[in-house]
């Protein structure tokens, strides 16, 4: 199946998921606007809503500017004083209008040099929204809506390849602490279920962090396995504090921490 630049799912699928998770995020946050977000220390649900609204505004500006290699200033003007829920709804409407006005292969400034297209932001905003929807549901204290397998696998792939492997290459100084003394390790991340996927990660002291899809490369130093949703939430540190991990982890604790440190740095 062929998709547009920078994506692994059909564009219509991303947009459907984006719409559904936007609605869930707002509804969950409205249940307890002053509640603390356990996965975003120091934020209330209202703070989370403002952040997502600002992100939507920022990416809309990038999409409409169509200027590869650049990004608008942060935070976007006019987003710090507006009531947060009104801001979220307004900026989401503007984001969808911008996406309707431009095609996924049209140019857009992004922070990811290999993909300077609107399609990059379609994927990124869909994944941004599902992660923050989880945040809002955790803050509300209710059940967390299941992330569909295809969306979760896409999110894991984006986290490993677009965030972490790219960041280690482009901003290597940030990774010298977790990787500088690395003996060189291999990791296998296995999403299991009706839809499955495997990623093979190799780290080294360069620092280096490469991602492959060869599942037959011999035993790994560390293996993480679980359902696509469980892995997505685990790798993004979005597991509920009062629930046991649904991801099976094998390997030395210091090796596991090396991977988790790289993920934390790349997503800060």
C-alpha atoms as a PDB file:
ATOM      1  CA  UNK A   1       0.000   0.000   0.000  1.00  0.00           C
ATOM      2  CA  UNK A   2       1.431   3.378  -0.928  1.00  0.00           C
ATOM      3  CA  UNK A   3       0.936   6.445   1.221  1.00  0.00           C
ATOM      4  CA  UNK A   4       1.916  10.067   1.021  1.00  0.00           C
ATOM      5  CA  UNK A   5       5.327  11.455   1.960  1.00  0.00           C
ATOM      6  CA  UNK A   6       6.260  10.977   5.614  1.00  0.00           C
ATOM      7  CA  UNK A   7       3.308   8.742   6.498  1.00  0.00           C
ATOM      8  CA  UNK A   8       2.632   5.058   7.038  1.00  0.00           C
ATOM      9  CA  UNK A   9      -1.185   5.227   7.190  1.00  0.00           C
ATOM     10  CA  UNK A  10      -3.633   6.570   4.599  1.00  0.00           C
ATOM     11  CA  UNK A  11      -4.235  10.291   5.054  1.00  0.00           C
ATOM     12  CA  UNK A  12      -7.966   9.751   5.576  1.00  0.00           C
ATOM     13  CA  UNK A  13      -7.163   7.367   8.422  1.00  0.00           C
ATOM     14  CA  UNK A  14      -4.966   9.947  10.144  1.00  0.00           C
ATOM     15  CA  UNK A  15      -7.652  12.603   9.844  1.00  0.00           C
ATOM     16  CA  UNK A  16     -10.349  10.300  11.224  1.00  0.00           C
ATOM     17  CA  UNK A  17      -8.159   9.439  14.222  1.00  0.00           C
ATOM     18  CA  UNK A  18      -7.257  13.092  14.737  1.00  0.00           C
ATOM     19  CA  UNK A  19     -10.936  14.095  14.830  1.00  0.00           C
ATOM     20  CA  UNK A  20     -11.896  11.317  17.243  1.00  0.00           C
ATOM     21  CA  UNK A  21      -9.066  11.975  19.679  1.00  0.00           C
ATOM     22  CA  UNK A  22      -9.602  15.737  19.579  1.00  0.00           C
ATOM     23  CA  UNK A  23     -13.183  15.172  20.737  1.00  0.00           C
ATOM     24  CA  UNK A  24     -12.078  12.733  23.447  1.00  0.00           C
ATOM     25  CA  UNK A  25      -9.358  15.077  24.683  1.00  0.00           C
ATOM     26  CA  UNK A  26     -11.715  18.011  25.116  1.00  0.00           C
ATOM     27  CA  UNK A  27     -14.413  15.913  26.764  1.00  0.00           C
ATOM     28  CA  UNK A  28     -11.999  14.315  29.231  1.00  0.00           C
ATOM     29  CA  UNK A  29     -10.339  17.595  30.155  1.00  0.00           C
ATOM     30  CA  UNK A  30     -13.723  19.249  30.716  1.00  0.00           C
ATOM     31  CA  UNK A  31     -14.596  16.625  33.345  1.00  0.00           C
ATOM     32  CA  UNK A  32     -11.967  17.957  35.767  1.00  0.00           C
ATOM     33  CA  UNK A  33     -10.260  21.096  34.409  1.00  0.00           C
ATOM     34  CA  UNK A  34      -8.220  21.631  37.588  1.00  0.00           C
ATOM     35  CA  UNK A  35      -7.061  18.015  37.895  1.00  0.00           C
ATOM     36  CA  UNK A  36      -3.350  17.312  37.787  1.00  0.00           C
ATOM     37  CA  UNK A  37      -2.069  15.448  34.732  1.00  0.00           C
ATOM     38  CA  UNK A  38      -0.003  12.577  36.174  1.00  0.00           C
ATOM     39  CA  UNK A  39       1.912  12.042  32.941  1.00  0.00           C
ATOM     40  CA  UNK A  40       2.782  15.766  32.626  1.00  0.00           C
ATOM     41  CA  UNK A  41       3.986  16.796  36.107  1.00  0.00           C
ATOM     42  CA  UNK A  42       3.033  20.341  37.023  1.00  0.00           C
ATOM     43  CA  UNK A  43       0.226  20.613  34.474  1.00  0.00           C
ATOM     44  CA  UNK A  44      -3.492  20.703  35.108  1.00  0.00           C
ATOM     45  CA  UNK A  45      -5.971  19.506  32.500  1.00  0.00           C
ATOM     46  CA  UNK A  46      -6.529  23.165  31.595  1.00  0.00           C
ATOM     47  CA  UNK A  47      -2.783  23.648  31.063  1.00  0.00           C
ATOM     48  CA  UNK A  48      -2.833  20.607  28.788  1.00  0.00           C
ATOM     49  CA  UNK A  49      -5.715  22.045  26.766  1.00  0.00           C
ATOM     50  CA  UNK A  50      -3.891  25.348  26.301  1.00  0.00           C
ATOM     51  CA  UNK A  51      -0.737  23.557  25.196  1.00  0.00           C
ATOM     52  CA  UNK A  52      -2.552  21.516  22.557  1.00  0.00           C
ATOM     53  CA  UNK A  53      -4.347  24.626  21.323  1.00  0.00           C
ATOM     54  CA  UNK A  54      -1.026  26.416  20.972  1.00  0.00           C
ATOM     55  CA  UNK A  55       0.453  23.442  19.132  1.00  0.00           C
ATOM     56  CA  UNK A  56      -2.440  23.458  16.671  1.00  0.00           C
ATOM     57  CA  UNK A  57      -1.991  27.195  16.071  1.00  0.00           C
ATOM     58  CA  UNK A  58       1.751  26.816  15.588  1.00  0.00           C
ATOM     59  CA  UNK A  59       1.457  23.982  13.088  1.00  0.00           C
ATOM     60  CA  UNK A  60      -1.326  25.751  11.182  1.00  0.00           C
ATOM     61  CA  UNK A  61       1.032  28.675  10.684  1.00  0.00           C
ATOM     62  CA  UNK A  62       3.746  26.301   9.443  1.00  0.00           C
ATOM     63  CA  UNK A  63       1.353  24.646   7.013  1.00  0.00           C
ATOM     64  CA  UNK A  64       0.048  27.907   5.586  1.00  0.00           C
ATOM     65  CA  UNK A  65       3.498  29.508   5.349  1.00  0.00           C
ATOM     66  CA  UNK A  66       4.692  26.670   3.094  1.00  0.00           C
ATOM     67  CA  UNK A  67       8.305  27.592   3.823  1.00  0.00           C
ATOM     68  CA  UNK A  68      10.517  24.481   4.080  1.00  0.00           C
ATOM     69  CA  UNK A  69      13.337  24.727   6.593  1.00  0.00           C
ATOM     70  CA  UNK A  70      11.537  27.214   8.844  1.00  0.00           C
ATOM     71  CA  UNK A  71       9.099  27.139  11.731  1.00  0.00           C
ATOM     72  CA  UNK A  72       6.987  29.954  13.228  1.00  0.00           C
ATOM     73  CA  UNK A  73       7.840  31.477  16.597  1.00  0.00           C
ATOM     74  CA  UNK A  74       6.706  29.801  19.810  1.00  0.00           C
ATOM     75  CA  UNK A  75       4.289  30.378  21.443  1.00  0.00           C
ATOM     76  CA  UNK A  76       2.075  31.639  18.640  1.00  0.00           C
ATOM     77  CA  UNK A  77       0.870  35.206  19.063  1.00  0.00           C
ATOM     78  CA  UNK A  78      -2.581  35.569  20.532  1.00  0.00           C
ATOM     79  CA  UNK A  79      -2.663  32.189  22.247  1.00  0.00           C
ATOM     80  CA  UNK A  80      -1.552  33.017  25.788  1.00  0.00           C
ATOM     81  CA  UNK A  81      -4.605  34.984  26.977  1.00  0.00           C
ATOM     82  CA  UNK A  82      -7.526  33.246  25.261  1.00  0.00           C
ATOM     83  CA  UNK A  83      -9.698  30.951  27.369  1.00  0.00           C
ATOM     84  CA  UNK A  84      -8.044  27.530  26.934  1.00  0.00           C
ATOM     85  CA  UNK A  85     -11.056  25.489  25.801  1.00  0.00           C
ATOM     86  CA  UNK A  86     -12.130  28.188  23.362  1.00  0.00           C
ATOM     87  CA  UNK A  87      -8.536  28.299  22.099  1.00  0.00           C
ATOM     88  CA  UNK A  88      -8.486  24.524  21.597  1.00  0.00           C
ATOM     89  CA  UNK A  89     -11.709  24.522  19.596  1.00  0.00           C
ATOM     90  CA  UNK A  90     -10.747  27.554  17.500  1.00  0.00           C
ATOM     91  CA  UNK A  91      -7.278  26.328  16.627  1.00  0.00           C
ATOM     92  CA  UNK A  92      -8.461  22.816  15.810  1.00  0.00           C
ATOM     93  CA  UNK A  93     -11.010  24.266  13.383  1.00  0.00           C
ATOM     94  CA  UNK A  94      -8.278  26.387  11.799  1.00  0.00           C
ATOM     95  CA  UNK A  95      -5.910  23.418  11.581  1.00  0.00           C
ATOM     96  CA  UNK A  96      -8.498  21.312   9.771  1.00  0.00           C
ATOM     97  CA  UNK A  97      -9.256  24.181   7.408  1.00  0.00           C
ATOM     98  CA  UNK A  98      -5.547  24.499   6.601  1.00  0.00           C
ATOM     99  CA  UNK A  99      -5.288  20.768   5.960  1.00  0.00           C
ATOM    100  CA  UNK A 100      -8.336  20.907   3.695  1.00  0.00           C
ATOM    101  CA  UNK A 101      -6.753  23.753   1.743  1.00  0.00           C
ATOM    102  CA  UNK A 102      -3.441  22.010   1.134  1.00  0.00           C
ATOM    103  CA  UNK A 103      -2.404  18.567  -0.023  1.00  0.00           C
ATOM    104  CA  UNK A 104      -0.213  16.207   2.036  1.00  0.00           C
ATOM    105  CA  UNK A 105       2.653  16.502  -0.461  1.00  0.00           C
ATOM    106  CA  UNK A 106       2.588  20.315  -0.466  1.00  0.00           C
ATOM    107  CA  UNK A 107       5.650  22.006   1.093  1.00  0.00           C
ATOM    108  CA  UNK A 108       5.722  22.989   4.751  1.00  0.00           C
ATOM    109  CA  UNK A 109       8.433  23.929   7.202  1.00  0.00           C
ATOM    110  CA  UNK A 110       9.108  21.189   9.765  1.00  0.00           C
ATOM    111  CA  UNK A 111      11.845  20.395  12.268  1.00  0.00           C
ATOM    112  CA  UNK A 112      12.478  17.067  10.518  1.00  0.00           C
ATOM    113  CA  UNK A 113      14.757  17.708   7.546  1.00  0.00           C
ATOM    114  CA  UNK A 114      13.910  14.526   5.572  1.00  0.00           C
ATOM    115  CA  UNK A 115      10.235  15.519   5.316  1.00  0.00           C
ATOM    116  CA  UNK A 116       9.244  19.114   4.601  1.00  0.00           C
ATOM    117  CA  UNK A 117       5.626  18.439   3.670  1.00  0.00           C
ATOM    118  CA  UNK A 118       2.134  18.961   5.033  1.00  0.00           C
ATOM    119  CA  UNK A 119       1.898  15.166   5.353  1.00  0.00           C
ATOM    120  CA  UNK A 120       4.503  15.293   8.118  1.00  0.00           C
ATOM    121  CA  UNK A 121       2.214  17.537  10.175  1.00  0.00           C
ATOM    122  CA  UNK A 122      -0.850  15.406   9.484  1.00  0.00           C
ATOM    123  CA  UNK A 123       0.923  12.448  11.034  1.00  0.00           C
ATOM    124  CA  UNK A 124       2.511  14.501  13.802  1.00  0.00           C
ATOM    125  CA  UNK A 125      -0.733  16.219  14.858  1.00  0.00           C
ATOM    126  CA  UNK A 126      -2.579  12.908  14.879  1.00  0.00           C
ATOM    127  CA  UNK A 127       0.042  11.359  17.149  1.00  0.00           C
ATOM    128  CA  UNK A 128       0.316  14.506  19.280  1.00  0.00           C
ATOM    129  CA  UNK A 129      -3.410  14.412  19.847  1.00  0.00           C
ATOM    130  CA  UNK A 130      -3.683  10.747  20.787  1.00  0.00           C
ATOM    131  CA  UNK A 131      -0.881  11.056  23.357  1.00  0.00           C
ATOM    132  CA  UNK A 132      -2.407  14.160  24.916  1.00  0.00           C
ATOM    133  CA  UNK A 133      -5.858  12.573  24.798  1.00  0.00           C
ATOM    134  CA  UNK A 134      -4.401   9.822  26.980  1.00  0.00           C
ATOM    135  CA  UNK A 135      -3.027  12.534  29.290  1.00  0.00           C
ATOM    136  CA  UNK A 136      -6.475  14.099  29.602  1.00  0.00           C
ATOM    137  CA  UNK A 137      -8.140  10.768  30.326  1.00  0.00           C
ATOM    138  CA  UNK A 138      -5.535   9.922  32.964  1.00  0.00           C
ATOM    139  CA  UNK A 139      -6.167  13.302  34.606  1.00  0.00           C
ATOM    140  CA  UNK A 140      -9.924  12.690  34.605  1.00  0.00           C
ATOM    141  CA  UNK A 141      -9.359   9.396  36.411  1.00  0.00           C
ATOM    142  CA  UNK A 142     -11.616   7.420  34.116  1.00  0.00           C
ATOM    143  CA  UNK A 143     -10.868   4.659  31.653  1.00  0.00           C
ATOM    144  CA  UNK A 144      -8.360   5.336  28.887  1.00  0.00           C
ATOM    145  CA  UNK A 145      -9.830   4.750  25.448  1.00  0.00           C
ATOM    146  CA  UNK A 146      -8.042   1.994  23.549  1.00  0.00           C
ATOM    147  CA  UNK A 147      -5.621   3.194  20.855  1.00  0.00           C
ATOM    148  CA  UNK A 148      -6.258   1.282  17.603  1.00  0.00           C
ATOM    149  CA  UNK A 149      -3.445  -1.088  16.631  1.00  0.00           C
ATOM    150  CA  UNK A 150      -2.598   0.651  13.354  1.00  0.00           C
ATOM    151  CA  UNK A 151      -2.389   4.074  14.990  1.00  0.00           C
ATOM    152  CA  UNK A 152      -0.304   2.723  17.884  1.00  0.00           C
ATOM    153  CA  UNK A 153       2.159   0.973  15.543  1.00  0.00           C
ATOM    154  CA  UNK A 154       2.494   4.180  13.541  1.00  0.00           C
ATOM    155  CA  UNK A 155       3.125   6.106  16.769  1.00  0.00           C
ATOM    156  CA  UNK A 156       5.848   3.699  17.895  1.00  0.00           C
ATOM    157  CA  UNK A 157       7.505   3.965  14.498  1.00  0.00           C
ATOM    158  CA  UNK A 158       7.392   7.766  14.626  1.00  0.00           C
ATOM    159  CA  UNK A 159       8.832   7.827  18.144  1.00  0.00           C
ATOM    160  CA  UNK A 160      11.734   5.523  17.302  1.00  0.00           C
ATOM    161  CA  UNK A 161      12.611   6.799  13.826  1.00  0.00           C
ATOM    162  CA  UNK A 162      11.442  10.393  13.534  1.00  0.00           C
ATOM    163  CA  UNK A 163      12.023  11.489  17.110  1.00  0.00           C
ATOM    164  CA  UNK A 164      14.835   9.434  18.565  1.00  0.00           C
ATOM    165  CA  UNK A 165      17.041   8.157  15.739  1.00  0.00           C
ATOM    166  CA  UNK A 166      16.881  11.552  14.017  1.00  0.00           C
ATOM    167  CA  UNK A 167      17.541  13.475  17.228  1.00  0.00           C
ATOM    168  CA  UNK A 168      20.589  11.372  18.088  1.00  0.00           C
ATOM    169  CA  UNK A 169      22.009  12.125  14.635  1.00  0.00           C
ATOM    170  CA  UNK A 170      21.174  15.840  14.563  1.00  0.00           C
ATOM    171  CA  UNK A 171      21.658  16.815  18.219  1.00  0.00           C
ATOM    172  CA  UNK A 172      24.131  14.225  19.439  1.00  0.00           C
ATOM    173  CA  UNK A 173      25.452  16.292  22.350  1.00  0.00           C
ATOM    174  CA  UNK A 174      22.168  15.788  24.197  1.00  0.00           C
ATOM    175  CA  UNK A 175      22.710  12.022  24.129  1.00  0.00           C
ATOM    176  CA  UNK A 176      26.308  11.821  25.322  1.00  0.00           C
ATOM    177  CA  UNK A 177      25.277  11.030  28.892  1.00  0.00           C
ATOM    178  CA  UNK A 178      23.118   7.965  28.158  1.00  0.00           C
ATOM    179  CA  UNK A 179      25.137   6.734  25.177  1.00  0.00           C
ATOM    180  CA  UNK A 180      28.704   7.962  25.696  1.00  0.00           C
ATOM    181  CA  UNK A 181      29.637   4.954  27.820  1.00  0.00           C
ATOM    182  CA  UNK A 182      27.390   2.477  26.000  1.00  0.00           C
ATOM    183  CA  UNK A 183      29.114  -0.814  25.169  1.00  0.00           C
ATOM    184  CA  UNK A 184      26.920  -1.008  22.073  1.00  0.00           C
ATOM    185  CA  UNK A 185      23.570  -2.672  22.650  1.00  0.00           C
ATOM    186  CA  UNK A 186      20.710  -4.142  20.670  1.00  0.00           C
ATOM    187  CA  UNK A 187      17.032  -3.763  21.498  1.00  0.00           C
ATOM    188  CA  UNK A 188      13.997  -5.454  20.043  1.00  0.00           C
ATOM    189  CA  UNK A 189      10.581  -3.811  20.333  1.00  0.00           C
ATOM    190  CA  UNK A 190       7.797  -6.218  19.386  1.00  0.00           C
ATOM    191  CA  UNK A 191       4.181  -5.150  18.948  1.00  0.00           C
ATOM    192  CA  UNK A 192       2.058  -8.282  19.120  1.00  0.00           C
ATOM    193  CA  UNK A 193      -1.549  -8.968  18.204  1.00  0.00           C
ATOM    194  CA  UNK A 194      -3.764  -8.958  15.133  1.00  0.00           C
ATOM    195  CA  UNK A 195      -1.493  -6.242  13.749  1.00  0.00           C
ATOM    196  CA  UNK A 196       2.165  -6.764  14.593  1.00  0.00           C
ATOM    197  CA  UNK A 197       5.483  -5.052  13.966  1.00  0.00           C
ATOM    198  CA  UNK A 198       9.073  -5.394  15.124  1.00  0.00           C
ATOM    199  CA  UNK A 199      11.794  -2.776  15.398  1.00  0.00           C
ATOM    200  CA  UNK A 200      15.472  -3.608  15.973  1.00  0.00           C
ATOM    201  CA  UNK A 201      17.461  -0.814  17.617  1.00  0.00           C
ATOM    202  CA  UNK A 202      21.242  -0.583  17.821  1.00  0.00           C
ATOM    203  CA  UNK A 203      22.929   1.924  20.117  1.00  0.00           C
ATOM    204  CA  UNK A 204      26.556   2.866  20.498  1.00  0.00           C
ATOM    205  CA  UNK A 205      28.880   5.399  22.114  1.00  0.00           C
ATOM    206  CA  UNK A 206      29.300   7.611  19.017  1.00  0.00           C
ATOM    207  CA  UNK A 207      26.504   8.360  20.114  1.00  0.00           C
ATOM    208  CA  UNK A 208      24.426   6.346  17.672  1.00  0.00           C
ATOM    209  CA  UNK A 209      20.856   5.061  17.581  1.00  0.00           C
ATOM    210  CA  UNK A 210      19.711   3.196  14.491  1.00  0.00           C
ATOM    211  CA  UNK A 211      16.393   1.483  13.834  1.00  0.00           C
ATOM    212  CA  UNK A 212      15.950  -1.531  11.587  1.00  0.00           C
ATOM    213  CA  UNK A 213      13.092  -3.913  10.869  1.00  0.00           C
ATOM    214  CA  UNK A 214      15.121  -7.143  10.745  1.00  0.00           C
ATOM    215  CA  UNK A 215      13.450  -9.472  13.226  1.00  0.00           C
ATOM    216  CA  UNK A 216      15.870 -12.341  12.549  1.00  0.00           C
ATOM    217  CA  UNK A 217      19.128 -10.709  13.604  1.00  0.00           C
ATOM    218  CA  UNK A 218      19.775 -12.918  16.617  1.00  0.00           C
ATOM    219  CA  UNK A 219      19.050 -12.359  20.309  1.00  0.00           C
ATOM    220  CA  UNK A 220      18.822  -8.787  21.592  1.00  0.00           C
ATOM    221  CA  UNK A 221      20.231  -7.418  24.838  1.00  0.00           C
ATOM    222  CA  UNK A 222      16.793  -6.075  25.719  1.00  0.00           C
ATOM    223  CA  UNK A 223      13.349  -7.071  24.471  1.00  0.00           C
ATOM    224  CA  UNK A 224      10.152  -5.118  25.001  1.00  0.00           C
ATOM    225  CA  UNK A 225       6.942  -6.800  23.884  1.00  0.00           C
ATOM    226  CA  UNK A 226       3.223  -6.233  24.252  1.00  0.00           C
ATOM    227  CA  UNK A 227       0.177  -5.034  22.411  1.00  0.00           C
ATOM    228  CA  UNK A 228       0.711  -2.017  20.141  1.00  0.00           C
ATOM    229  CA  UNK A 229      -1.231   0.218  22.539  1.00  0.00           C
ATOM    230  CA  UNK A 230       0.654  -1.005  25.601  1.00  0.00           C
ATOM    231  CA  UNK A 231       4.002  -0.387  23.903  1.00  0.00           C
ATOM    232  CA  UNK A 232       2.996   3.067  22.695  1.00  0.00           C
ATOM    233  CA  UNK A 233       1.938   4.136  26.159  1.00  0.00           C
ATOM    234  CA  UNK A 234       4.983   2.543  27.785  1.00  0.00           C
ATOM    235  CA  UNK A 235       7.506   4.125  25.415  1.00  0.00           C
ATOM    236  CA  UNK A 236       5.831   7.542  25.752  1.00  0.00           C
ATOM    237  CA  UNK A 237       5.698   7.080  29.551  1.00  0.00           C
ATOM    238  CA  UNK A 238       1.895   7.249  29.517  1.00  0.00           C
ATOM    239  CA  UNK A 239       1.079   4.209  31.587  1.00  0.00           C
ATOM    240  CA  UNK A 240      -1.258   4.884  34.489  1.00  0.00           C
ATOM    241  CA  UNK A 241       0.500   5.135  37.833  1.00  0.00           C
ATOM    242  CA  UNK A 242      -2.006   2.793  39.489  1.00  0.00           C
ATOM    243  CA  UNK A 243      -1.934   0.025  36.915  1.00  0.00           C
ATOM    244  CA  UNK A 244       0.686  -2.664  36.327  1.00  0.00           C
ATOM    245  CA  UNK A 245       2.794  -2.489  33.201  1.00  0.00           C
ATOM    246  CA  UNK A 246       1.370  -4.459  30.308  1.00  0.00           C
ATOM    247  CA  UNK A 247       4.752  -4.574  28.554  1.00  0.00           C
ATOM    248  CA  UNK A 248       7.096  -7.507  29.090  1.00  0.00           C
ATOM    249  CA  UNK A 249      10.704  -6.382  29.466  1.00  0.00           C
ATOM    250  CA  UNK A 250      13.736  -8.656  29.510  1.00  0.00           C
ATOM    251  CA  UNK A 251      17.334  -7.525  29.851  1.00  0.00           C
ATOM    252  CA  UNK A 252      19.712  -5.860  32.287  1.00  0.00           C
ATOM    253  CA  UNK A 253      18.251  -2.815  34.090  1.00  0.00           C
ATOM    254  CA  UNK A 254      21.105  -0.542  32.970  1.00  0.00           C
ATOM    255  CA  UNK A 255      20.512  -1.517  29.359  1.00  0.00           C
ATOM    256  CA  UNK A 256      16.769  -0.837  29.658  1.00  0.00           C
ATOM    257  CA  UNK A 257      17.514   2.550  31.204  1.00  0.00           C
ATOM    258  CA  UNK A 258      19.806   3.443  28.289  1.00  0.00           C
ATOM    259  CA  UNK A 259      16.886   3.104  25.888  1.00  0.00           C
ATOM    260  CA  UNK A 260      14.426   4.901  28.127  1.00  0.00           C
ATOM    261  CA  UNK A 261      16.846   7.789  28.664  1.00  0.00           C
ATOM    262  CA  UNK A 262      17.191   8.255  24.914  1.00  0.00           C
ATOM    263  CA  UNK A 263      13.405   8.298  24.511  1.00  0.00           C
ATOM    264  CA  UNK A 264      12.982  10.845  27.312  1.00  0.00           C
ATOM    265  CA  UNK A 265      15.560  13.187  25.852  1.00  0.00           C
ATOM    266  CA  UNK A 266      14.151  12.987  22.337  1.00  0.00           C
ATOM    267  CA  UNK A 267      10.621  13.846  23.442  1.00  0.00           C
ATOM    268  CA  UNK A 268      11.323  16.631  25.950  1.00  0.00           C
END
